[in-house]
Protein backbone atom coordinates (compact mmCIF):
# COMPACT_ATOMS: atom_id res chain seq x y z
CA MET A 1 16.92 -41.00 3.05
CA MET A 2 15.90 -41.24 -0.59
CA LYS A 3 17.27 -39.01 -3.33
CA SER A 4 13.91 -37.35 -3.91
CA GLU A 5 13.68 -36.36 -0.23
CA LYS A 6 17.15 -34.81 -0.38
CA ALA A 7 16.21 -32.90 -3.53
CA GLU A 8 13.07 -31.56 -1.83
CA GLN A 9 15.10 -30.42 1.17
CA ASN A 10 17.63 -28.70 -1.11
CA THR A 11 14.93 -26.83 -3.05
CA GLU A 12 13.23 -25.77 0.19
CA GLY A 13 16.54 -24.58 1.62
CA LYS A 14 17.27 -22.51 -1.48
CA ALA A 15 13.82 -20.92 -1.35
CA GLU A 16 14.37 -19.94 2.27
CA GLU A 17 17.73 -18.34 1.46
CA LYS A 18 16.17 -15.96 -1.08
CA GLN A 19 16.16 -12.43 0.24
CA PRO A 20 12.74 -10.68 0.34
CA PHE A 21 14.23 -7.37 -0.84
CA GLU A 22 15.31 -8.76 -4.20
CA GLU A 23 11.88 -8.28 -5.76
CA PRO A 24 10.46 -4.92 -6.89
CA SER A 25 7.89 -3.31 -4.64
CA HIS A 26 4.43 -2.05 -5.56
CA CYS A 27 2.13 0.57 -4.09
CA LEU A 28 -0.53 -1.18 -2.02
CA LEU A 29 -3.31 1.00 -3.44
CA CYS A 30 -2.59 1.64 -7.13
CA GLY A 31 0.10 -0.95 -7.90
CA VAL A 32 2.70 1.42 -9.35
CA VAL A 33 6.22 -0.07 -9.26
CA GLY A 34 8.62 1.69 -6.91
CA LEU A 35 11.92 1.32 -5.17
CA THR A 36 13.07 -2.07 -3.98
CA LEU A 37 12.22 -2.28 -0.30
CA LEU A 38 12.85 -4.93 2.33
CA TYR A 39 9.22 -6.01 2.60
CA GLY A 40 7.85 -4.46 -0.58
CA HIS A 41 4.95 -2.69 1.15
CA TRP A 42 4.50 1.01 0.64
CA VAL A 43 2.05 3.66 -0.54
CA CYS A 44 3.08 6.13 -3.24
CA GLU A 45 2.91 9.89 -2.69
CA HIS A 46 -0.15 10.30 -4.92
CA CYS A 47 -2.13 7.69 -2.97
CA LYS A 48 -1.00 9.20 0.35
CA ASN A 49 -2.36 12.57 -0.77
CA VAL A 50 -5.65 11.07 -1.96
CA VAL A 51 -6.19 9.16 1.29
CA GLN A 52 -5.31 12.21 3.38
CA ALA A 53 -7.71 14.41 1.37
CA GLU A 54 -10.54 11.88 1.75
CA ALA A 55 -9.94 11.64 5.50
CA LEU A 56 -9.93 15.41 5.88
CA SER A 57 -13.14 15.68 3.85
CA LYS A 58 -14.89 13.09 6.03
CA LYS A 59 -13.64 14.80 9.19
CA ARG A 60 -15.02 18.16 8.04
CA LYS A 61 -18.34 16.55 7.10
CA ILE A 62 -18.67 14.96 10.55
CA GLU A 63 -17.77 18.23 12.28
CA LYS A 64 -20.25 20.15 10.11
CA GLU A 65 -23.02 17.72 11.09
CA GLY A 66 -22.21 18.28 14.76
CA GLY A 67 -20.79 14.83 15.38
CA GLY A 68 -17.25 15.95 16.16
CA LEU A 69 -15.47 15.16 19.39
CA ALA A 70 -15.78 17.81 22.12
């Protein structure tokens, strides 16, 4: 094996050893930086509330139009 091939294997091995939780996490919707999490995927409280309010609004609109289930 050549030296360059060994160096490539070493750099790949080091990259694989890096833990995913070492990097800061960001909200998937607004991008605000939050706690360090294992996979870095989360939604902040503000965005959760906004999404829930939009869903409730759409549900009420559908029910008002008579398109609700049962």
